[in-house]
Amino acid sequence: TQVILVSYAEPVVAMGVSWIALGHLVDSLTLVGLVTILAGFVV
């Protein structure tokens, strides 16, 4: 169960690394989508 939770930390890491390495920023809807997916898993 705890290992599965890594799946929800991965996008946050990917967003940060993408910004640092490539200068790419995700938009607010992508963040909303991630939170919504996490909420579905929590349910």
All heavy atoms as atom14 arrays in JSON, in Angstrom:
{
  "sequence": "TQVILVSYAEPVVAMGVSWIALGHLVDSLTLVGLVTILAGFVV",
  "atom14_mask": [
    [1, 1, 1, 1, 1, 1, 1, 0, 0, 0, 0, 0, 0, 0],
    [1, 1, 1, 1, 1, 1, 1, 1, 1, 0, 0, 0, 0, 0],
    [1, 1, 1, 1, 1, 1, 1, 0, 0, 0, 0, 0, 0, 0],
    [1, 1, 1, 1, 1, 1, 1, 1, 0, 0, 0, 0, 0, 0],
    [1, 1, 1, 1, 1, 1, 1, 1, 0, 0, 0, 0, 0, 0],
    [1, 1, 1, 1, 1, 1, 1, 0, 0, 0, 0, 0, 0, 0],
    [1, 1, 1, 1, 1, 1, 0, 0, 0, 0, 0, 0, 0, 0],
    [1, 1, 1, 1, 1, 1, 1, 1, 1, 1, 1, 1, 0, 0],
    [1, 1, 1, 1, 1, 0, 0, 0, 0, 0, 0, 0, 0, 0],
    [1, 1, 1, 1, 1, 1, 1, 1, 1, 0, 0, 0, 0, 0],
    [1, 1, 1, 1, 1, 1, 1, 0, 0, 0, 0, 0, 0, 0],
    [1, 1, 1, 1, 1, 1, 1, 0, 0, 0, 0, 0, 0, 0],
    [1, 1, 1, 1, 1, 1, 1, 0, 0, 0, 0, 0, 0, 0],
    [1, 1, 1, 1, 1, 0, 0, 0, 0, 0, 0, 0, 0, 0],
    [1, 1, 1, 1, 1, 1, 1, 1, 0, 0, 0, 0, 0, 0],
    [1, 1, 1, 1, 0, 0, 0, 0, 0, 0, 0, 0, 0, 0],
    [1, 1, 1, 1, 1, 1, 1, 0, 0, 0, 0, 0, 0, 0],
    [1, 1, 1, 1, 1, 1, 0, 0, 0, 0, 0, 0, 0, 0],
    [1, 1, 1, 1, 1, 1, 1, 1, 1, 1, 1, 1, 1, 1],
    [1, 1, 1, 1, 1, 1, 1, 1, 0, 0, 0, 0, 0, 0],
    [1, 1, 1, 1, 1, 0, 0, 0, 0, 0, 0, 0, 0, 0],
    [1, 1, 1, 1, 1, 1, 1, 1, 0, 0, 0, 0, 0, 0],
    [1, 1, 1, 1, 0, 0, 0, 0, 0, 0, 0, 0, 0, 0],
    [1, 1, 1, 1, 1, 1, 1, 1, 1, 1, 0, 0, 0, 0],
    [1, 1, 1, 1, 1, 1, 1, 1, 0, 0, 0, 0, 0, 0],
    [1, 1, 1, 1, 1, 1, 1, 0, 0, 0, 0, 0, 0, 0],
    [1, 1, 1, 1, 1, 1, 1, 1, 0, 0, 0, 0, 0, 0],
    [1, 1, 1, 1, 1, 1, 0, 0, 0, 0, 0, 0, 0, 0],
    [1, 1, 1, 1, 1, 1, 1, 1, 0, 0, 0, 0, 0, 0],
    [1, 1, 1, 1, 1, 1, 1, 0, 0, 0, 0, 0, 0, 0],
    [1, 1, 1, 1, 1, 1, 1, 1, 0, 0, 0, 0, 0, 0],
    [1, 1, 1, 1, 1, 1, 1, 0, 0, 0, 0, 0, 0, 0],
    [1, 1, 1, 1, 0, 0, 0, 0, 0, 0, 0, 0, 0, 0],
    [1, 1, 1, 1, 1, 1, 1, 1, 0, 0, 0, 0, 0, 0],
    [1, 1, 1, 1, 1, 1, 1, 0, 0, 0, 0, 0, 0, 0],
    [1, 1, 1, 1, 1, 1, 1, 0, 0, 0, 0, 0, 0, 0],
    [1, 1, 1, 1, 1, 1, 1, 1, 0, 0, 0, 0, 0, 0],
    [1, 1, 1, 1, 1, 1, 1, 1, 0, 0, 0, 0, 0, 0],
    [1, 1, 1, 1, 1, 0, 0, 0, 0, 0, 0, 0, 0, 0],
    [1, 1, 1, 1, 0, 0, 0, 0, 0, 0, 0, 0, 0, 0],
    [1, 1, 1, 1, 1, 1, 1, 1, 1, 1, 1, 0, 0, 0],
    [1, 1, 1, 1, 1, 1, 1, 0, 0, 0, 0, 0, 0, 0],
    [1, 1, 1, 1, 1, 1, 1, 0, 0, 0, 0, 0, 0, 0]
  ],
  "atom14_positions": [
    [[0.82, -1.22, 0.0], [0.0, 0.0, 0.0], [0.85, 1.26, 0.0], [0.61, 2.19, -0.78], [-0.95, 0.02, 1.21], [-1.81, -1.11, 1.14], [-1.79, 1.28, 1.21], [0.0, 0.0, 0.0], [0.0, 0.0, 0.0], [0.0, 0.0, 0.0], [0.0, 0.0, 0.0], [0.0, 0.0, 0.0], [0.0, 0.0, 0.0], [0.0, 0.0, 0.0]],
    [[1.86, 1.3, 0.85], [2.69, 2.49, 0.91], [3.5, 2.66, -0.37], [3.71, 3.79, -0.84], [3.62, 2.46, 2.12], [4.42, 3.74, 2.3], [4.98, 3.9, 3.69], [4.38, 3.47, 4.67], [6.14, 4.51, 3.78], [0.0, 0.0, 0.0], [0.0, 0.0, 0.0], [0.0, 0.0, 0.0], [0.0, 0.0, 0.0], [0.0, 0.0, 0.0]],
    [[3.97, 1.56, -0.95], [4.75, 1.65, -2.18], [3.89, 2.22, -3.31], [4.37, 3.0, -4.13], [5.31, 0.27, -2.58], [6.01, 0.34, -3.93], [6.29, -0.23, -1.52], [0.0, 0.0, 0.0], [0.0, 0.0, 0.0], [0.0, 0.0, 0.0], [0.0, 0.0, 0.0], [0.0, 0.0, 0.0], [0.0, 0.0, 0.0], [0.0, 0.0, 0.0]],
    [[2.61, 1.85, -3.34], [1.7, 2.38, -4.37], [1.64, 3.91, -4.31], [1.5, 4.57, -5.33], [0.29, 1.77, -4.21], [0.3, 0.3, -4.64], [-0.74, 2.53, -5.03], [-1.01, -0.41, -4.41], [0.0, 0.0, 0.0], [0.0, 0.0, 0.0], [0.0, 0.0, 0.0], [0.0, 0.0, 0.0], [0.0, 0.0, 0.0], [0.0, 0.0, 0.0]],
    [[1.76, 4.46, -3.11], [1.67, 5.91, -2.95], [2.77, 6.65, -3.69], [2.65, 7.85, -3.96], [1.71, 6.28, -1.47], [0.5, 5.83, -0.64], [0.7, 6.18, 0.82], [-0.79, 6.46, -1.16], [0.0, 0.0, 0.0], [0.0, 0.0, 0.0], [0.0, 0.0, 0.0], [0.0, 0.0, 0.0], [0.0, 0.0, 0.0], [0.0, 0.0, 0.0]],
    [[3.85, 5.94, -4.05], [4.91, 6.57, -4.84], [4.35, 7.11, -6.16], [4.81, 8.12, -6.68], [6.05, 5.56, -5.11], [7.07, 6.13, -6.08], [6.73, 5.18, -3.81], [0.0, 0.0, 0.0], [0.0, 0.0, 0.0], [0.0, 0.0, 0.0], [0.0, 0.0, 0.0], [0.0, 0.0, 0.0], [0.0, 0.0, 0.0], [0.0, 0.0, 0.0]],
    [[3.32, 6.43, -6.69], [2.72, 6.85, -7.96], [2.21, 8.29, -7.91], [2.15, 8.97, -8.94], [1.55, 5.93, -8.32], [1.98, 4.6, -8.5], [0.0, 0.0, 0.0], [0.0, 0.0, 0.0], [0.0, 0.0, 0.0], [0.0, 0.0, 0.0], [0.0, 0.0, 0.0], [0.0, 0.0, 0.0], [0.0, 0.0, 0.0], [0.0, 0.0, 0.0]],
    [[1.85, 8.77, -6.71], [1.3, 10.12, -6.58], [2.36, 11.14, -6.22], [2.1, 12.35, -6.3], [0.15, 10.1, -5.57], [-0.94, 9.19, -6.07], [-1.07, 7.9, -5.6], [-1.77, 9.59, -7.11], [-2.03, 7.03, -6.1], [-2.72, 8.74, -7.63], [-2.86, 7.46, -7.12], [-3.78, 6.61, -7.65], [0.0, 0.0, 0.0], [0.0, 0.0, 0.0]],
    [[3.54, 10.66, -5.86], [4.67, 11.58, -5.68], [5.42, 11.77, -6.99], [6.02, 12.82, -7.21], [5.61, 11.04, -4.6], [0.0, 0.0, 0.0], [0.0, 0.0, 0.0], [0.0, 0.0, 0.0], [0.0, 0.0, 0.0], [0.0, 0.0, 0.0], [0.0, 0.0, 0.0], [0.0, 0.0, 0.0], [0.0, 0.0, 0.0], [0.0, 0.0, 0.0]],
    [[5.37, 10.77, -7.87], [6.1, 10.84, -9.13], [5.74, 12.05, -9.99], [6.64, 12.73, -10.5], [5.89, 9.55, -9.93], [6.59, 8.35, -9.34], [6.2, 7.06, -10.05], [5.61, 7.13, -11.15], [6.47, 5.98, -9.51], [0.0, 0.0, 0.0], [0.0, 0.0, 0.0], [0.0, 0.0, 0.0], [0.0, 0.0, 0.0], [0.0, 0.0, 0.0]],
    [[4.44, 12.37, -10.19], [4.13, 13.54, -11.02], [4.67, 14.85, -10.44], [5.1, 15.73, -11.19], [2.6, 13.55, -11.06], [2.19, 12.16, -10.75], [3.21, 11.66, -9.79], [0.0, 0.0, 0.0], [0.0, 0.0, 0.0], [0.0, 0.0, 0.0], [0.0, 0.0, 0.0], [0.0, 0.0, 0.0], [0.0, 0.0, 0.0], [0.0, 0.0, 0.0]],
    [[4.65, 14.96, -9.12], [5.17, 16.18, -8.49], [6.66, 16.3, -8.76], [7.17, 17.38, -9.11], [4.9, 16.15, -6.97], [5.49, 17.38, -6.3], [3.4, 16.06, -6.7], [0.0, 0.0, 0.0], [0.0, 0.0, 0.0], [0.0, 0.0, 0.0], [0.0, 0.0, 0.0], [0.0, 0.0, 0.0], [0.0, 0.0, 0.0], [0.0, 0.0, 0.0]],
    [[7.39, 15.18, -8.63], [8.82, 15.17, -8.94], [9.04, 15.5, -10.41], [9.9, 16.31, -10.75], [9.43, 13.8, -8.59], [10.87, 13.71, -9.11], [9.4, 13.55, -7.09], [0.0, 0.0, 0.0], [0.0, 0.0, 0.0], [0.0, 0.0, 0.0], [0.0, 0.0, 0.0], [0.0, 0.0, 0.0], [0.0, 0.0, 0.0], [0.0, 0.0, 0.0]],
    [[8.24, 14.87, -11.28], [8.4, 15.11, -12.72], [8.17, 16.58, -13.07], [8.9, 17.16, -13.89], [7.43, 14.23, -13.51], [0.0, 0.0, 0.0], [0.0, 0.0, 0.0], [0.0, 0.0, 0.0], [0.0, 0.0, 0.0], [0.0, 0.0, 0.0], [0.0, 0.0, 0.0], [0.0, 0.0, 0.0], [0.0, 0.0, 0.0], [0.0, 0.0, 0.0]],
    [[7.18, 17.21, -12.42], [6.92, 18.63, -12.67], [8.1, 19.49, -12.24], [8.52, 20.41, -12.95], [5.66, 19.06, -11.92], [4.37, 18.47, -12.47], [2.95, 18.85, -11.4], [1.7, 17.76, -12.09], [0.0, 0.0, 0.0], [0.0, 0.0, 0.0], [0.0, 0.0, 0.0], [0.0, 0.0, 0.0], [0.0, 0.0, 0.0], [0.0, 0.0, 0.0]],
    [[8.66, 19.18, -11.07], [9.8, 19.96, -10.58], [11.03, 19.77, -11.44], [11.72, 20.74, -11.79], [0.0, 0.0, 0.0], [0.0, 0.0, 0.0], [0.0, 0.0, 0.0], [0.0, 0.0, 0.0], [0.0, 0.0, 0.0], [0.0, 0.0, 0.0], [0.0, 0.0, 0.0], [0.0, 0.0, 0.0], [0.0, 0.0, 0.0], [0.0, 0.0, 0.0]],
    [[11.34, 18.53, -11.8], [12.52, 18.26, -12.62], [12.35, 18.85, -14.02], [13.3, 19.39, -14.6], [12.77, 16.73, -12.7], [13.9, 16.42, -13.68], [13.12, 16.18, -11.33], [0.0, 0.0, 0.0], [0.0, 0.0, 0.0], [0.0, 0.0, 0.0], [0.0, 0.0, 0.0], [0.0, 0.0, 0.0], [0.0, 0.0, 0.0], [0.0, 0.0, 0.0]],
    [[11.14, 18.78, -14.56], [10.87, 19.35, -15.87], [11.1, 20.86, -15.87], [11.64, 21.42, -16.83], [9.42, 19.04, -16.29], [9.14, 19.51, -17.58], [0.0, 0.0, 0.0], [0.0, 0.0, 0.0], [0.0, 0.0, 0.0], [0.0, 0.0, 0.0], [0.0, 0.0, 0.0], [0.0, 0.0, 0.0], [0.0, 0.0, 0.0], [0.0, 0.0, 0.0]],
    [[10.71, 21.5, -14.79], [10.91, 22.95, -14.67], [12.39, 23.28, -14.55], [12.91, 24.18, -15.21], [10.14, 23.47, -13.46], [10.41, 24.92, -13.16], [10.24, 25.98, -14.0], [10.92, 25.45, -11.93], [10.6, 27.15, -13.36], [11.02, 26.86, -12.1], [11.27, 24.88, -10.7], [11.48, 27.68, -11.08], [11.72, 25.71, -9.69], [11.83, 27.1, -9.89]],
    [[13.12, 22.52, -13.71], [14.55, 22.79, -13.49], [15.37, 22.47, -14.73], [16.24, 23.26, -15.15], [15.06, 21.97, -12.29], [14.4, 22.47, -10.99], [16.58, 22.07, -12.17], [14.65, 21.57, -9.8], [0.0, 0.0, 0.0], [0.0, 0.0, 0.0], [0.0, 0.0, 0.0], [0.0, 0.0, 0.0], [0.0, 0.0, 0.0], [0.0, 0.0, 0.0]],
    [[15.11, 21.3, -15.35], [15.95, 20.85, -16.46], [15.56, 21.44, -17.8], [16.43, 21.71, -18.64], [15.9, 19.32, -16.53], [0.0, 0.0, 0.0], [0.0, 0.0, 0.0], [0.0, 0.0, 0.0], [0.0, 0.0, 0.0], [0.0, 0.0, 0.0], [0.0, 0.0, 0.0], [0.0, 0.0, 0.0], [0.0, 0.0, 0.0], [0.0, 0.0, 0.0]],
    [[14.26, 21.65, -18.01], [13.8, 22.07, -19.33], [13.1, 23.41, -19.34], [12.78, 23.93, -20.42], [12.85, 21.0, -19.9], [13.4, 19.57, -19.99], [12.31, 18.62, -20.47], [14.61, 19.52, -20.91], [0.0, 0.0, 0.0], [0.0, 0.0, 0.0], [0.0, 0.0, 0.0], [0.0, 0.0, 0.0], [0.0, 0.0, 0.0], [0.0, 0.0, 0.0]],
    [[12.82, 23.95, -18.16], [12.12, 25.22, -18.08], [10.65, 25.12, -18.38], [10.0, 26.13, -18.66], [0.0, 0.0, 0.0], [0.0, 0.0, 0.0], [0.0, 0.0, 0.0], [0.0, 0.0, 0.0], [0.0, 0.0, 0.0], [0.0, 0.0, 0.0], [0.0, 0.0, 0.0], [0.0, 0.0, 0.0], [0.0, 0.0, 0.0], [0.0, 0.0, 0.0]],
    [[10.08, 23.89, -18.29], [8.67, 23.69, -18.59], [7.84, 23.83, -17.31], [8.17, 23.24, -16.27], [8.44, 22.29, -19.17], [9.07, 22.11, -20.51], [9.17, 20.89, -21.13], [9.63, 23.01, -21.37], [9.77, 21.03, -22.29], [10.07, 22.3, -22.46], [0.0, 0.0, 0.0], [0.0, 0.0, 0.0], [0.0, 0.0, 0.0], [0.0, 0.0, 0.0]],
    [[6.77, 24.57, -17.39], [5.83, 24.69, -16.28], [4.49, 24.09, -16.68], [4.03, 24.31, -17.81], [5.63, 26.17, -15.89], [6.81, 26.86, -15.21], [6.5, 28.36, -15.06], [7.08, 26.25, -13.85], [0.0, 0.0, 0.0], [0.0, 0.0, 0.0], [0.0, 0.0, 0.0], [0.0, 0.0, 0.0], [0.0, 0.0, 0.0], [0.0, 0.0, 0.0]],
    [[3.88, 23.34, -15.78], [2.56, 22.79, -16.07], [1.51, 23.83, -15.7], [1.74, 24.71, -14.86], [2.3, 21.48, -15.29], [3.3, 20.42, -15.69], [2.34, 21.72, -13.79], [0.0, 0.0, 0.0], [0.0, 0.0, 0.0], [0.0, 0.0, 0.0], [0.0, 0.0, 0.0], [0.0, 0.0, 0.0], [0.0, 0.0, 0.0], [0.0, 0.0, 0.0]],
    [[0.35, 23.73, -16.34], [-0.7, 24.7, -16.03], [-1.53, 24.24, -14.84], [-1.37, 23.13, -14.33], [-1.59, 24.95, -17.26], [-2.21, 23.67, -17.79], [-2.42, 22.73, -17.0], [-2.46, 23.6, -19.01], [0.0, 0.0, 0.0], [0.0, 0.0, 0.0], [0.0, 0.0, 0.0], [0.0, 0.0, 0.0], [0.0, 0.0, 0.0], [0.0, 0.0, 0.0]],
    [[-2.42, 25.11, -14.41], [-3.21, 24.84, -13.21], [-4.14, 23.64, -13.39], [-4.39, 22.9, -12.42], [-4.02, 26.08, -12.82], [-4.86, 26.49, -13.89], [0.0, 0.0, 0.0], [0.0, 0.0, 0.0], [0.0, 0.0, 0.0], [0.0, 0.0, 0.0], [0.0, 0.0, 0.0], [0.0, 0.0, 0.0], [0.0, 0.0, 0.0], [0.0, 0.0, 0.0]],
    [[-4.64, 23.41, -14.61], [-5.54, 22.28, -14.82], [-4.83, 20.95, -14.66], [-5.43, 19.97, -14.22], [-6.18, 22.37, -16.21], [-7.48, 23.18, -16.31], [-7.97, 23.23, -17.74], [-8.55, 22.6, -15.38], [0.0, 0.0, 0.0], [0.0, 0.0, 0.0], [0.0, 0.0, 0.0], [0.0, 0.0, 0.0], [0.0, 0.0, 0.0], [0.0, 0.0, 0.0]],
    [[-3.55, 20.9, -15.0], [-2.78, 19.68, -14.78], [-2.68, 19.38, -13.28], [-2.82, 18.24, -12.84], [-1.38, 19.8, -15.39], [-1.5, 20.0, -16.8], [-0.57, 18.52, -15.15], [0.0, 0.0, 0.0], [0.0, 0.0, 0.0], [0.0, 0.0, 0.0], [0.0, 0.0, 0.0], [0.0, 0.0, 0.0], [0.0, 0.0, 0.0], [0.0, 0.0, 0.0]],
    [[-2.45, 20.42, -12.48], [-2.4, 20.25, -11.03], [-3.75, 19.81, -10.49], [-3.84, 18.94, -9.62], [-1.95, 21.55, -10.37], [-0.52, 22.0, -10.66], [-0.26, 23.39, -10.1], [0.48, 21.0, -10.09], [0.0, 0.0, 0.0], [0.0, 0.0, 0.0], [0.0, 0.0, 0.0], [0.0, 0.0, 0.0], [0.0, 0.0, 0.0], [0.0, 0.0, 0.0]],
    [[-4.82, 20.4, -11.01], [-6.17, 20.0, -10.6], [-6.4, 18.54, -10.96], [-6.97, 17.77, -10.19], [-7.23, 20.91, -11.26], [-8.63, 20.35, -11.05], [-7.14, 22.32, -10.71], [0.0, 0.0, 0.0], [0.0, 0.0, 0.0], [0.0, 0.0, 0.0], [0.0, 0.0, 0.0], [0.0, 0.0, 0.0], [0.0, 0.0, 0.0], [0.0, 0.0, 0.0]],
    [[-5.96, 18.15, -12.14], [-6.12, 16.76, -12.56], [-5.39, 15.8, -11.64], [-5.94, 14.75, -11.26], [0.0, 0.0, 0.0], [0.0, 0.0, 0.0], [0.0, 0.0, 0.0], [0.0, 0.0, 0.0], [0.0, 0.0, 0.0], [0.0, 0.0, 0.0], [0.0, 0.0, 0.0], [0.0, 0.0, 0.0], [0.0, 0.0, 0.0], [0.0, 0.0, 0.0]],
    [[-4.16, 16.16, -11.26], [-3.4, 15.3, -10.34], [-4.11, 15.16, -9.0], [-4.22, 14.05, -8.46], [-2.0, 15.87, -10.14], [-1.12, 15.14, -9.12], [-0.93, 13.68, -9.5], [0.22, 15.84, -8.97], [0.0, 0.0, 0.0], [0.0, 0.0, 0.0], [0.0, 0.0, 0.0], [0.0, 0.0, 0.0], [0.0, 0.0, 0.0], [0.0, 0.0, 0.0]],
    [[-4.59, 16.26, -8.46], [-5.3, 16.22, -7.17], [-6.58, 15.39, -7.29], [-6.93, 14.62, -6.38], [-5.63, 17.65, -6.68], [-6.53, 17.61, -5.46], [-4.34, 18.41, -6.37], [0.0, 0.0, 0.0], [0.0, 0.0, 0.0], [0.0, 0.0, 0.0], [0.0, 0.0, 0.0], [0.0, 0.0, 0.0], [0.0, 0.0, 0.0], [0.0, 0.0, 0.0]],
    [[-7.28, 15.5, -8.42], [-8.5, 14.73, -8.62], [-8.21, 13.24, -8.71], [-8.93, 12.4, -8.14], [-9.21, 15.19, -9.91], [-9.42, 16.61, -9.85], [-10.56, 14.5, -10.06], [0.0, 0.0, 0.0], [0.0, 0.0, 0.0], [0.0, 0.0, 0.0], [0.0, 0.0, 0.0], [0.0, 0.0, 0.0], [0.0, 0.0, 0.0], [0.0, 0.0, 0.0]],
    [[-7.13, 12.88, -9.42], [-6.73, 11.46, -9.5], [-6.36, 10.93, -8.12], [-6.76, 9.82, -7.74], [-5.54, 11.31, -10.48], [-5.99, 11.63, -11.91], [-4.97, 9.9, -10.42], [-4.84, 11.8, -12.89], [0.0, 0.0, 0.0], [0.0, 0.0, 0.0], [0.0, 0.0, 0.0], [0.0, 0.0, 0.0], [0.0, 0.0, 0.0], [0.0, 0.0, 0.0]],
    [[-5.61, 11.72, -7.36], [-5.26, 11.32, -5.99], [-6.5, 11.14, -5.13], [-6.61, 10.18, -4.35], [-4.33, 12.36, -5.37], [-3.96, 12.16, -3.9], [-3.28, 10.81, -3.69], [-3.07, 13.29, -3.4], [0.0, 0.0, 0.0], [0.0, 0.0, 0.0], [0.0, 0.0, 0.0], [0.0, 0.0, 0.0], [0.0, 0.0, 0.0], [0.0, 0.0, 0.0]],
    [[-7.48, 12.04, -5.29], [-8.73, 11.94, -4.53], [-9.45, 10.64, -4.87], [-10.01, 9.97, -3.98], [-9.63, 13.14, -4.81], [0.0, 0.0, 0.0], [0.0, 0.0, 0.0], [0.0, 0.0, 0.0], [0.0, 0.0, 0.0], [0.0, 0.0, 0.0], [0.0, 0.0, 0.0], [0.0, 0.0, 0.0], [0.0, 0.0, 0.0], [0.0, 0.0, 0.0]],
    [[-9.44, 10.27, -6.14], [-10.07, 9.01, -6.53], [-9.41, 7.82, -5.87], [-10.08, 6.89, -5.4], [0.0, 0.0, 0.0], [0.0, 0.0, 0.0], [0.0, 0.0, 0.0], [0.0, 0.0, 0.0], [0.0, 0.0, 0.0], [0.0, 0.0, 0.0], [0.0, 0.0, 0.0], [0.0, 0.0, 0.0], [0.0, 0.0, 0.0], [0.0, 0.0, 0.0]],
    [[-8.07, 7.84, -5.8], [-7.35, 6.75, -5.13], [-7.68, 6.71, -3.64], [-7.87, 5.63, -3.07], [-5.85, 6.92, -5.33], [-5.02, 5.9, -4.62], [-4.9, 4.61, -5.11], [-4.35, 6.22, -3.45], [-4.14, 3.66, -4.46], [-3.58, 5.29, -2.78], [-3.48, 4.0, -3.29], [0.0, 0.0, 0.0], [0.0, 0.0, 0.0], [0.0, 0.0, 0.0]],
    [[-7.75, 7.87, -3.01], [-8.06, 7.93, -1.57], [-9.45, 7.35, -1.31], [-9.66, 6.62, -0.34], [-7.95, 9.38, -1.05], [-8.5, 9.48, 0.37], [-6.5, 9.84, -1.1], [0.0, 0.0, 0.0], [0.0, 0.0, 0.0], [0.0, 0.0, 0.0], [0.0, 0.0, 0.0], [0.0, 0.0, 0.0], [0.0, 0.0, 0.0], [0.0, 0.0, 0.0]],
    [[-10.41, 7.66, -2.17], [-11.77, 7.13, -2.01], [-11.76, 5.61, -2.09], [-12.38, 4.91, -1.28], [-12.71, 7.72, -3.08], [-14.04, 6.97, -3.09], [-12.95, 9.2, -2.82], [0.0, 0.0, 0.0], [0.0, 0.0, 0.0], [0.0, 0.0, 0.0], [0.0, 0.0, 0.0], [0.0, 0.0, 0.0], [0.0, 0.0, 0.0], [0.0, 0.0, 0.0]]
  ]
}
